Structures are given as C-alpha cells and as structure tokens.
Amino acid sequence: KYGAGDRYKDGRQFTDMDESQTQSLLKKFDNILLLQQ
C-alpha cells in the first residue's frame, strides 16, 4: 500500500512503502536490478 509509515488498521499491521523507501531497500543489495515501479 502506498505510503511512508507503519500503521495498524482493521486488526492488521501494515508496512507502507513509497518510491524512495523502495529505492533505499533495493540499494542494500548489489544483485538487484529494478525493472519497473
């Protein structure tokens, strides 16, 4: 789900992500090539 934070909604925990967070996550790996976002 698009967003930047962690939240609790309707009995579930969600980790939301945006483009910059995705970039930071994927950059932790030297064997990942981002194809589409």
PDB file of all heavy atoms in Angstrom:
ATOM      1  N   LYS A   1       0.860  -1.177   0.000  1.00  0.00           N
ATOM      2  CA  LYS A   1       0.000   0.000   0.000  1.00  0.00           C
ATOM      3  C   LYS A   1       0.897   1.228   0.000  1.00  0.00           C
ATOM      4  O   LYS A   1       1.941   1.247   0.656  1.00  0.00           O
ATOM      5  CB  LYS A   1      -0.938  -0.026   1.209  1.00  0.00           C
ATOM      6  CG  LYS A   1      -1.951  -1.162   1.090  1.00  0.00           C
ATOM      7  CD  LYS A   1      -3.047  -1.083   2.115  1.00  0.00           C
ATOM      8  CE  LYS A   1      -4.013  -2.244   1.906  1.00  0.00           C
ATOM      9  NZ  LYS A   1      -5.240  -2.115   2.700  1.00  0.00           N
ATOM     10  N   TYR A   2       0.486   2.222  -0.782  1.00  0.00           N
ATOM     11  CA  TYR A   2       1.345   3.387  -0.990  1.00  0.00           C
ATOM     12  C   TYR A   2       1.326   4.302   0.231  1.00  0.00           C
ATOM     13  O   TYR A   2       0.269   4.700   0.719  1.00  0.00           O
ATOM     14  CB  TYR A   2       0.893   4.152  -2.229  1.00  0.00           C
ATOM     15  CG  TYR A   2       1.860   5.233  -2.636  1.00  0.00           C
ATOM     16  CD1 TYR A   2       3.012   4.908  -3.327  1.00  0.00           C
ATOM     17  CD2 TYR A   2       1.630   6.560  -2.320  1.00  0.00           C
ATOM     18  CE1 TYR A   2       3.920   5.885  -3.701  1.00  0.00           C
ATOM     19  CE2 TYR A   2       2.517   7.556  -2.688  1.00  0.00           C
ATOM     20  CZ  TYR A   2       3.665   7.206  -3.376  1.00  0.00           C
ATOM     21  OH  TYR A   2       4.559   8.177  -3.743  1.00  0.00           O
ATOM     22  N   GLY A   3       2.513   4.621   0.717  1.00  0.00           N
ATOM     23  CA  GLY A   3       2.642   5.491   1.876  1.00  0.00           C
ATOM     24  C   GLY A   3       4.054   5.405   2.410  1.00  0.00           C
ATOM     25  O   GLY A   3       4.911   4.760   1.819  1.00  0.00           O
ATOM     26  N   ALA A   4       4.291   6.042   3.540  1.00  0.00           N
ATOM     27  CA  ALA A   4       5.656   6.102   4.057  1.00  0.00           C
ATOM     28  C   ALA A   4       5.795   5.567   5.476  1.00  0.00           C
ATOM     29  O   ALA A   4       6.894   5.524   6.008  1.00  0.00           O
ATOM     30  CB  ALA A   4       6.169   7.537   4.008  1.00  0.00           C
ATOM     31  N   GLY A   5       4.700   5.143   6.096  1.00  0.00           N
ATOM     32  CA  GLY A   5       4.773   4.776   7.502  1.00  0.00           C
ATOM     33  C   GLY A   5       4.313   3.371   7.799  1.00  0.00           C
ATOM     34  O   GLY A   5       3.971   2.596   6.913  1.00  0.00           O
ATOM     35  N   ASP A   6       4.320   3.063   9.088  1.00  0.00           N
ATOM     36  CA  ASP A   6       3.794   1.801   9.593  1.00  0.00           C
ATOM     37  C   ASP A   6       2.493   2.125  10.316  1.00  0.00           C
ATOM     38  O   ASP A   6       2.410   3.126  11.031  1.00  0.00           O
ATOM     39  CB  ASP A   6       4.781   1.153  10.566  1.00  0.00           C
ATOM     40  CG  ASP A   6       6.142   0.912   9.921  1.00  0.00           C
ATOM     41  OD1 ASP A   6       6.198   0.746   8.688  1.00  0.00           O
ATOM     42  OD2 ASP A   6       7.141   0.892  10.653  1.00  0.00           O
ATOM     43  N   ARG A   7       1.497   1.288  10.150  1.00  0.00           N
ATOM     44  CA  ARG A   7       0.211   1.591  10.773  1.00  0.00           C
ATOM     45  C   ARG A   7      -0.539   0.312  11.096  1.00  0.00           C
ATOM     46  O   ARG A   7      -0.235  -0.760  10.573  1.00  0.00           O
ATOM     47  CB  ARG A   7      -0.632   2.481   9.861  1.00  0.00           C
ATOM     48  CG  ARG A   7      -0.953   1.866   8.536  1.00  0.00           C
ATOM     49  CD  ARG A   7      -1.471   2.891   7.526  1.00  0.00           C
ATOM     50  NE  ARG A   7      -1.489   2.315   6.200  1.00  0.00           N
ATOM     51  CZ  ARG A   7      -2.522   1.648   5.695  1.00  0.00           C
ATOM     52  NH1 ARG A   7      -3.630   1.485   6.387  1.00  0.00           N
ATOM     53  NH2 ARG A   7      -2.459   1.133   4.493  1.00  0.00           N
ATOM     54  N   TYR A   8      -1.491   0.475  11.989  1.00  0.00           N
ATOM     55  CA  TYR A   8      -2.358  -0.616  12.401  1.00  0.00           C
ATOM     56  C   TYR A   8      -3.771  -0.225  11.995  1.00  0.00           C
ATOM     57  O   TYR A   8      -4.257   0.835  12.364  1.00  0.00           O
ATOM     58  CB  TYR A   8      -2.254  -0.810  13.917  1.00  0.00           C
ATOM     59  CG  TYR A   8      -2.927  -2.042  14.424  1.00  0.00           C
ATOM     60  CD1 TYR A   8      -2.331  -3.295  14.276  1.00  0.00           C
ATOM     61  CD2 TYR A   8      -4.168  -1.972  15.040  1.00  0.00           C
ATOM     62  CE1 TYR A   8      -2.956  -4.436  14.740  1.00  0.00           C
ATOM     63  CE2 TYR A   8      -4.804  -3.113  15.506  1.00  0.00           C
ATOM     64  CZ  TYR A   8      -4.193  -4.347  15.356  1.00  0.00           C
ATOM     65  OH  TYR A   8      -4.819  -5.473  15.811  1.00  0.00           O
ATOM     66  N   LYS A   9      -4.410  -1.076  11.187  1.00  0.00           N
ATOM     67  CA  LYS A   9      -5.746  -0.747  10.695  1.00  0.00           C
ATOM     68  C   LYS A   9      -6.575  -2.014  10.575  1.00  0.00           C
ATOM     69  O   LYS A   9      -6.102  -3.022  10.029  1.00  0.00           O
ATOM     70  CB  LYS A   9      -5.652  -0.051   9.332  1.00  0.00           C
ATOM     71  CG  LYS A   9      -6.997   0.363   8.765  1.00  0.00           C
ATOM     72  CD  LYS A   9      -6.857   0.995   7.396  1.00  0.00           C
ATOM     73  CE  LYS A   9      -8.229   1.348   6.837  1.00  0.00           C
ATOM     74  NZ  LYS A   9      -8.173   1.794   5.451  1.00  0.00           N
ATOM     75  N   ASP A  10      -7.802  -1.956  11.060  1.00  0.00           N
ATOM     76  CA  ASP A  10      -8.748  -3.070  10.922  1.00  0.00           C
ATOM     77  C   ASP A  10      -8.155  -4.399  11.399  1.00  0.00           C
ATOM     78  O   ASP A  10      -8.339  -5.435  10.755  1.00  0.00           O
ATOM     79  CB  ASP A  10      -9.208  -3.211   9.466  1.00  0.00           C
ATOM     80  CG  ASP A  10      -9.926  -1.966   8.968  1.00  0.00           C
ATOM     81  OD1 ASP A  10     -10.528  -1.256   9.801  1.00  0.00           O
ATOM     82  OD2 ASP A  10      -9.879  -1.702   7.745  1.00  0.00           O
ATOM     83  N   GLY A  11      -7.415  -4.354  12.505  1.00  0.00           N
ATOM     84  CA  GLY A  11      -6.876  -5.580  13.079  1.00  0.00           C
ATOM     85  C   GLY A  11      -5.608  -6.096  12.437  1.00  0.00           C
ATOM     86  O   GLY A  11      -5.166  -7.206  12.734  1.00  0.00           O
ATOM     87  N   ARG A  12      -5.007  -5.303  11.539  1.00  0.00           N
ATOM     88  CA  ARG A  12      -3.793  -5.749  10.845  1.00  0.00           C
ATOM     89  C   ARG A  12      -2.710  -4.677  10.901  1.00  0.00           C
ATOM     90  O   ARG A  12      -3.007  -3.490  10.868  1.00  0.00           O
ATOM     91  CB  ARG A  12      -4.105  -6.067   9.373  1.00  0.00           C
ATOM     92  CG  ARG A  12      -5.009  -7.263   9.195  1.00  0.00           C
ATOM     93  CD  ARG A  12      -5.413  -7.432   7.750  1.00  0.00           C
ATOM     94  NE  ARG A  12      -6.368  -6.394   7.362  1.00  0.00           N
ATOM     95  CZ  ARG A  12      -6.814  -6.201   6.135  1.00  0.00           C
ATOM     96  NH1 ARG A  12      -6.369  -6.961   5.144  1.00  0.00           N
ATOM     97  NH2 ARG A  12      -7.687  -5.251   5.872  1.00  0.00           N
ATOM     98  N   GLN A  13      -1.466  -5.135  10.916  1.00  0.00           N
ATOM     99  CA  GLN A  13      -0.306  -4.249  10.861  1.00  0.00           C
ATOM    100  C   GLN A  13       0.125  -4.097   9.399  1.00  0.00           C
ATOM    101  O   GLN A  13       0.229  -5.086   8.681  1.00  0.00           O
ATOM    102  CB  GLN A  13       0.849  -4.843  11.682  1.00  0.00           C
ATOM    103  CG  GLN A  13       2.121  -4.009  11.665  1.00  0.00           C
ATOM    104  CD  GLN A  13       1.957  -2.665  12.363  1.00  0.00           C
ATOM    105  OE1 GLN A  13       1.337  -2.584  13.405  1.00  0.00           O
ATOM    106  NE2 GLN A  13       2.517  -1.624  11.776  1.00  0.00           N
ATOM    107  N   PHE A  14       0.367  -2.847   8.971  1.00  0.00           N
ATOM    108  CA  PHE A  14       0.796  -2.587   7.601  1.00  0.00           C
ATOM    109  C   PHE A  14       2.121  -1.837   7.578  1.00  0.00           C
ATOM    110  O   PHE A  14       2.319  -0.899   8.357  1.00  0.00           O
ATOM    111  CB  PHE A  14      -0.248  -1.744   6.850  1.00  0.00           C
ATOM    112  CG  PHE A  14      -1.517  -2.474   6.552  1.00  0.00           C
ATOM    113  CD1 PHE A  14      -2.617  -2.361   7.398  1.00  0.00           C
ATOM    114  CD2 PHE A  14      -1.625  -3.284   5.435  1.00  0.00           C
ATOM    115  CE1 PHE A  14      -3.800  -3.031   7.135  1.00  0.00           C
ATOM    116  CE2 PHE A  14      -2.809  -3.962   5.164  1.00  0.00           C
ATOM    117  CZ  PHE A  14      -3.897  -3.839   6.012  1.00  0.00           C
ATOM    118  N   THR A  15       2.976  -2.259   6.675  1.00  0.00           N
ATOM    119  CA  THR A  15       4.195  -1.530   6.353  1.00  0.00           C
ATOM    120  C   THR A  15       3.978  -0.929   4.967  1.00  0.00           C
ATOM    121  O   THR A  15       3.992  -1.646   3.966  1.00  0.00           O
ATOM    122  CB  THR A  15       5.424  -2.466   6.346  1.00  0.00           C
ATOM    123  OG1 THR A  15       5.583  -3.020   7.657  1.00  0.00           O
ATOM    124  CG2 THR A  15       6.680  -1.726   5.944  1.00  0.00           C
ATOM    125  N   ASP A  16       3.714   0.374   4.918  1.00  0.00           N
ATOM    126  CA  ASP A  16       3.507   1.046   3.635  1.00  0.00           C
ATOM    127  C   ASP A  16       4.861   1.435   3.046  1.00  0.00           C
ATOM    128  O   ASP A  16       5.847   1.614   3.773  1.00  0.00           O
ATOM    129  CB  ASP A  16       2.648   2.294   3.824  1.00  0.00           C
ATOM    130  CG  ASP A  16       1.245   1.971   4.330  1.00  0.00           C
ATOM    131  OD1 ASP A  16       0.801   0.819   4.180  1.00  0.00           O
ATOM    132  OD2 ASP A  16       0.588   2.882   4.868  1.00  0.00           O
ATOM    133  N   MET A  17       4.898   1.575   1.729  1.00  0.00           N
ATOM    134  CA  MET A  17       6.152   1.938   1.058  1.00  0.00           C
ATOM    135  C   MET A  17       5.883   2.993  -0.009  1.00  0.00           C
ATOM    136  O   MET A  17       4.834   3.000  -0.641  1.00  0.00           O
ATOM    137  CB  MET A  17       6.779   0.706   0.390  1.00  0.00           C
ATOM    138  CG  MET A  17       7.238  -0.375   1.350  1.00  0.00           C
ATOM    139  SD  MET A  17       8.779   0.035   2.209  1.00  0.00           S
ATOM    140  CE  MET A  17       9.960  -0.385   0.920  1.00  0.00           C
ATOM    141  N   ASP A  18       6.878   3.866  -0.216  1.00  0.00           N
ATOM    142  CA  ASP A  18       6.849   4.793  -1.342  1.00  0.00           C
ATOM    143  C   ASP A  18       8.103   4.553  -2.188  1.00  0.00           C
ATOM    144  O   ASP A  18       8.923   3.687  -1.881  1.00  0.00           O
ATOM    145  CB  ASP A  18       6.719   6.245  -0.877  1.00  0.00           C
ATOM    146  CG  ASP A  18       7.892   6.722  -0.035  1.00  0.00           C
ATOM    147  OD1 ASP A  18       8.991   6.109  -0.086  1.00  0.00           O
ATOM    148  OD2 ASP A  18       7.725   7.728   0.683  1.00  0.00           O
ATOM    149  N   GLU A  19       8.251   5.341  -3.244  1.00  0.00           N
ATOM    150  CA  GLU A  19       9.345   5.102  -4.189  1.00  0.00           C
ATOM    151  C   GLU A  19      10.718   5.243  -3.546  1.00  0.00           C
ATOM    152  O   GLU A  19      11.619   4.433  -3.801  1.00  0.00           O
ATOM    153  CB  GLU A  19       9.239   6.065  -5.386  1.00  0.00           C
ATOM    154  CG  GLU A  19       8.016   5.878  -6.245  1.00  0.00           C
ATOM    155  CD  GLU A  19       6.836   6.745  -5.821  1.00  0.00           C
ATOM    156  OE1 GLU A  19       6.813   7.222  -4.668  1.00  0.00           O
ATOM    157  OE2 GLU A  19       5.928   6.936  -6.650  1.00  0.00           O
ATOM    158  N   SER A  20      10.906   6.271  -2.726  1.00  0.00           N
ATOM    159  CA  SER A  20      12.233   6.484  -2.145  1.00  0.00           C
ATOM    160  C   SER A  20      12.581   5.382  -1.143  1.00  0.00           C
ATOM    161  O   SER A  20      13.735   4.944  -1.065  1.00  0.00           O
ATOM    162  CB  SER A  20      12.319   7.860  -1.475  1.00  0.00           C
ATOM    163  OG  SER A  20      11.419   7.946  -0.391  1.00  0.00           O
ATOM    164  N   GLN A  21      11.594   4.895  -0.406  1.00  0.00           N
ATOM    165  CA  GLN A  21      11.848   3.794   0.520  1.00  0.00           C
ATOM    166  C   GLN A  21      12.196   2.510  -0.234  1.00  0.00           C
ATOM    167  O   GLN A  21      13.069   1.753   0.182  1.00  0.00           O
ATOM    168  CB  GLN A  21      10.632   3.566   1.417  1.00  0.00           C
ATOM    169  CG  GLN A  21      10.427   4.678   2.429  1.00  0.00           C
ATOM    170  CD  GLN A  21       9.123   4.542   3.191  1.00  0.00           C
ATOM    171  OE1 GLN A  21       8.164   3.951   2.701  1.00  0.00           O
ATOM    172  NE2 GLN A  21       9.088   5.097   4.394  1.00  0.00           N
ATOM    173  N   THR A  22      11.520   2.296  -1.352  1.00  0.00           N
ATOM    174  CA  THR A  22      11.835   1.133  -2.177  1.00  0.00           C
ATOM    175  C   THR A  22      13.262   1.219  -2.703  1.00  0.00           C
ATOM    176  O   THR A  22      14.010   0.238  -2.659  1.00  0.00           O
ATOM    177  CB  THR A  22      10.857   1.026  -3.362  1.00  0.00           C
ATOM    178  OG1 THR A  22       9.529   0.926  -2.859  1.00  0.00           O
ATOM    179  CG2 THR A  22      11.165  -0.178  -4.220  1.00  0.00           C
ATOM    180  N   GLN A  23      13.630   2.397  -3.195  1.00  0.00           N
ATOM    181  CA  GLN A  23      14.997   2.582  -3.701  1.00  0.00           C
ATOM    182  C   GLN A  23      16.015   2.285  -2.608  1.00  0.00           C
ATOM    183  O   GLN A  23      17.013   1.591  -2.849  1.00  0.00           O
ATOM    184  CB  GLN A  23      15.176   4.020  -4.211  1.00  0.00           C
ATOM    185  CG  GLN A  23      14.368   4.364  -5.434  1.00  0.00           C
ATOM    186  CD  GLN A  23      14.960   3.790  -6.714  1.00  0.00           C
ATOM    187  OE1 GLN A  23      16.056   3.269  -6.734  1.00  0.00           O
ATOM    188  NE2 GLN A  23      14.202   3.882  -7.799  1.00  0.00           N
ATOM    189  N   SER A  24      15.786   2.797  -1.412  1.00  0.00           N
ATOM    190  CA  SER A  24      16.718   2.571  -0.300  1.00  0.00           C
ATOM    191  C   SER A  24      16.810   1.089   0.044  1.00  0.00           C
ATOM    192  O   SER A  24      17.900   0.576   0.318  1.00  0.00           O
ATOM    193  CB  SER A  24      16.272   3.349   0.940  1.00  0.00           C
ATOM    194  OG  SER A  24      16.304   4.726   0.698  1.00  0.00           O
ATOM    195  N   LEU A  25      15.672   0.406   0.024  1.00  0.00           N
ATOM    196  CA  LEU A  25      15.660  -1.026   0.331  1.00  0.00           C
ATOM    197  C   LEU A  25      16.435  -1.816  -0.716  1.00  0.00           C
ATOM    198  O   LEU A  25      17.293  -2.642  -0.379  1.00  0.00           O
ATOM    199  CB  LEU A  25      14.214  -1.520   0.413  1.00  0.00           C
ATOM    200  CG  LEU A  25      14.004  -3.019   0.619  1.00  0.00           C
ATOM    201  CD1 LEU A  25      14.587  -3.489   1.944  1.00  0.00           C
ATOM    202  CD2 LEU A  25      12.515  -3.367   0.526  1.00  0.00           C
ATOM    203  N   LEU A  26      16.138  -1.575  -1.982  1.00  0.00           N
ATOM    204  CA  LEU A  26      16.776  -2.350  -3.045  1.00  0.00           C
ATOM    205  C   LEU A  26      18.266  -2.061  -3.152  1.00  0.00           C
ATOM    206  O   LEU A  26      19.047  -2.943  -3.537  1.00  0.00           O
ATOM    207  CB  LEU A  26      16.085  -2.079  -4.387  1.00  0.00           C
ATOM    208  CG  LEU A  26      14.599  -2.452  -4.472  1.00  0.00           C
ATOM    209  CD1 LEU A  26      14.076  -2.239  -5.886  1.00  0.00           C
ATOM    210  CD2 LEU A  26      14.340  -3.891  -4.030  1.00  0.00           C
ATOM    211  N   LYS A  27      18.684  -0.857  -2.793  1.00  0.00           N
ATOM    212  CA  LYS A  27      20.107  -0.498  -2.871  1.00  0.00           C
ATOM    213  C   LYS A  27      20.967  -1.228  -1.851  1.00  0.00           C
ATOM    214  O   LYS A  27      22.188  -1.208  -1.933  1.00  0.00           O
ATOM    215  CB  LYS A  27      20.277   1.017  -2.698  1.00  0.00           C
ATOM    216  CG  LYS A  27      19.935   1.801  -3.944  1.00  0.00           C
ATOM    217  CD  LYS A  27      20.135   3.283  -3.737  1.00  0.00           C
ATOM    218  CE  LYS A  27      19.749   4.050  -4.993  1.00  0.00           C
ATOM    219  NZ  LYS A  27      19.806   5.508  -4.793  1.00  0.00           N
ATOM    220  N   LYS A  28      20.323  -1.891  -0.900  1.00  0.00           N
ATOM    221  CA  LYS A  28      21.069  -2.683   0.075  1.00  0.00           C
ATOM    222  C   LYS A  28      21.664  -3.935  -0.569  1.00  0.00           C
ATOM    223  O   LYS A  28      22.491  -4.618   0.026  1.00  0.00           O
ATOM    224  CB  LYS A  28      20.167  -3.094   1.247  1.00  0.00           C
ATOM    225  CG  LYS A  28      19.676  -1.939   2.103  1.00  0.00           C
ATOM    226  CD  LYS A  28      18.766  -2.430   3.215  1.00  0.00           C
ATOM    227  CE  LYS A  28      18.147  -1.287   3.992  1.00  0.00           C
ATOM    228  NZ  LYS A  28      19.104  -0.483   4.737  1.00  0.00           N
ATOM    229  N   PHE A  29      21.228  -4.241  -1.793  1.00  0.00           N
ATOM    230  CA  PHE A  29      21.649  -5.461  -2.481  1.00  0.00           C
ATOM    231  C   PHE A  29      22.351  -5.102  -3.784  1.00  0.00           C
ATOM    232  O   PHE A  29      21.847  -4.284  -4.546  1.00  0.00           O
ATOM    233  CB  PHE A  29      20.438  -6.353  -2.772  1.00  0.00           C
ATOM    234  CG  PHE A  29      19.690  -6.758  -1.530  1.00  0.00           C
ATOM    235  CD1 PHE A  29      18.659  -5.960  -1.043  1.00  0.00           C
ATOM    236  CD2 PHE A  29      20.029  -7.904  -0.846  1.00  0.00           C
ATOM    237  CE1 PHE A  29      17.964  -6.322   0.106  1.00  0.00           C
ATOM    238  CE2 PHE A  29      19.349  -8.267   0.309  1.00  0.00           C
ATOM    239  CZ  PHE A  29      18.322  -7.477   0.792  1.00  0.00           C
ATOM    240  N   ASP A  30      23.490  -5.738  -4.040  1.00  0.00           N
ATOM    241  CA  ASP A  30      24.210  -5.436  -5.286  1.00  0.00           C
ATOM    242  C   ASP A  30      23.804  -6.368  -6.425  1.00  0.00           C
ATOM    243  O   ASP A  30      24.324  -6.257  -7.532  1.00  0.00           O
ATOM    244  CB  ASP A  30      25.728  -5.485  -5.067  1.00  0.00           C
ATOM    245  CG  ASP A  30      26.211  -6.817  -4.520  1.00  0.00           C
ATOM    246  OD1 ASP A  30      25.421  -7.781  -4.468  1.00  0.00           O
ATOM    247  OD2 ASP A  30      27.402  -6.895  -4.132  1.00  0.00           O
ATOM    248  N   ASN A  31      22.856  -7.290  -6.151  1.00  0.00           N
ATOM    249  CA  ASN A  31      22.420  -8.211  -7.210  1.00  0.00           C
ATOM    250  C   ASN A  31      20.942  -8.027  -7.563  1.00  0.00           C
ATOM    251  O   ASN A  31      20.298  -8.939  -8.045  1.00  0.00           O
ATOM    252  CB  ASN A  31      22.698  -9.660  -6.810  1.00  0.00           C
ATOM    253  CG  ASN A  31      21.971 -10.084  -5.530  1.00  0.00           C
ATOM    254  OD1 ASN A  31      21.580  -9.242  -4.730  1.00  0.00           O
ATOM    255  ND2 ASN A  31      21.813 -11.383  -5.346  1.00  0.00           N
ATOM    256  N   ILE A  32      20.429  -6.821  -7.316  1.00  0.00           N
ATOM    257  CA  ILE A  32      19.049  -6.499  -7.692  1.00  0.00           C
ATOM    258  C   ILE A  32      19.048  -5.430  -8.783  1.00  0.00           C
ATOM    259  O   ILE A  32      19.713  -4.399  -8.652  1.00  0.00           O
ATOM    260  CB  ILE A  32      18.234  -5.993  -6.482  1.00  0.00           C
ATOM    261  CG1 ILE A  32      17.839  -7.160  -5.562  1.00  0.00           C
ATOM    262  CG2 ILE A  32      16.978  -5.262  -6.938  1.00  0.00           C
ATOM    263  CD1 ILE A  32      17.013  -6.749  -4.352  1.00  0.00           C
ATOM    264  N   LEU A  33      18.310  -5.701  -9.842  1.00  0.00           N
ATOM    265  CA  LEU A  33      18.083  -4.709 -10.894  1.00  0.00           C
ATOM    266  C   LEU A  33      16.599  -4.361 -10.884  1.00  0.00           C
ATOM    267  O   LEU A  33      15.750  -5.225 -11.143  1.00  0.00           O
ATOM    268  CB  LEU A  33      18.481  -5.270 -12.261  1.00  0.00           C
ATOM    269  CG  LEU A  33      18.167  -4.377 -13.462  1.00  0.00           C
ATOM    270  CD1 LEU A  33      18.961  -3.069 -13.397  1.00  0.00           C
ATOM    271  CD2 LEU A  33      18.428  -5.103 -14.769  1.00  0.00           C
ATOM    272  N   LEU A  34      16.278  -3.113 -10.565  1.00  0.00           N
ATOM    273  CA  LEU A  34      14.888  -2.667 -10.595  1.00  0.00           C
ATOM    274  C   LEU A  34      14.450  -2.549 -12.048  1.00  0.00           C
ATOM    275  O   LEU A  34      15.035  -1.809 -12.831  1.00  0.00           O
ATOM    276  CB  LEU A  34      14.753  -1.317  -9.884  1.00  0.00           C
ATOM    277  CG  LEU A  34      13.351  -0.696  -9.886  1.00  0.00           C
ATOM    278  CD1 LEU A  34      12.343  -1.577  -9.175  1.00  0.00           C
ATOM    279  CD2 LEU A  34      13.389   0.699  -9.265  1.00  0.00           C
ATOM    280  N   LEU A  35      13.405  -3.270 -12.423  1.00  0.00           N
ATOM    281  CA  LEU A  35      12.905  -3.258 -13.792  1.00  0.00           C
ATOM    282  C   LEU A  35      11.745  -2.291 -13.972  1.00  0.00           C
ATOM    283  O   LEU A  35      11.694  -1.562 -14.952  1.00  0.00           O
ATOM    284  CB  LEU A  35      12.464  -4.672 -14.202  1.00  0.00           C
ATOM    285  CG  LEU A  35      13.561  -5.742 -14.211  1.00  0.00           C
ATOM    286  CD1 LEU A  35      12.960  -7.110 -14.487  1.00  0.00           C
ATOM    287  CD2 LEU A  35      14.625  -5.406 -15.248  1.00  0.00           C
ATOM    288  N   GLN A  36      10.808  -2.307 -13.029  1.00  0.00           N
ATOM    289  CA  GLN A  36       9.653  -1.415 -13.121  1.00  0.00           C
ATOM    290  C   GLN A  36       9.152  -1.081 -11.720  1.00  0.00           C
ATOM    291  O   GLN A  36       9.260  -1.893 -10.799  1.00  0.00           O
ATOM    292  CB  GLN A  36       8.501  -2.081 -13.893  1.00  0.00           C
ATOM    293  CG  GLN A  36       8.751  -2.229 -15.381  1.00  0.00           C
ATOM    294  CD  GLN A  36       7.517  -2.742 -16.104  1.00  0.00           C
ATOM    295  OE1 GLN A  36       7.532  -3.798 -16.719  1.00  0.00           O
ATOM    296  NE2 GLN A  36       6.432  -1.991 -16.037  1.00  0.00           N
ATOM    297  N   GLN A  37       8.595   0.125 -11.615  1.00  0.00           N
ATOM    298  CA  GLN A  37       7.955   0.556 -10.374  1.00  0.00           C
ATOM    299  C   GLN A  37       6.835   1.516 -10.778  1.00  0.00           C
ATOM    300  O   GLN A  37       7.075   2.472 -11.501  1.00  0.00           O
ATOM    301  CB  GLN A  37       8.988   1.258  -9.485  1.00  0.00           C
ATOM    302  CG  GLN A  37       8.453   1.699  -8.154  1.00  0.00           C
ATOM    303  CD  GLN A  37       9.564   2.268  -7.254  1.00  0.00           C
ATOM    304  OE1 GLN A  37       9.744   1.807  -6.157  1.00  0.00           O
ATOM    305  NE2 GLN A  37      10.289   3.254  -7.724  1.00  0.00           N
TER     306      GLN A  37
END
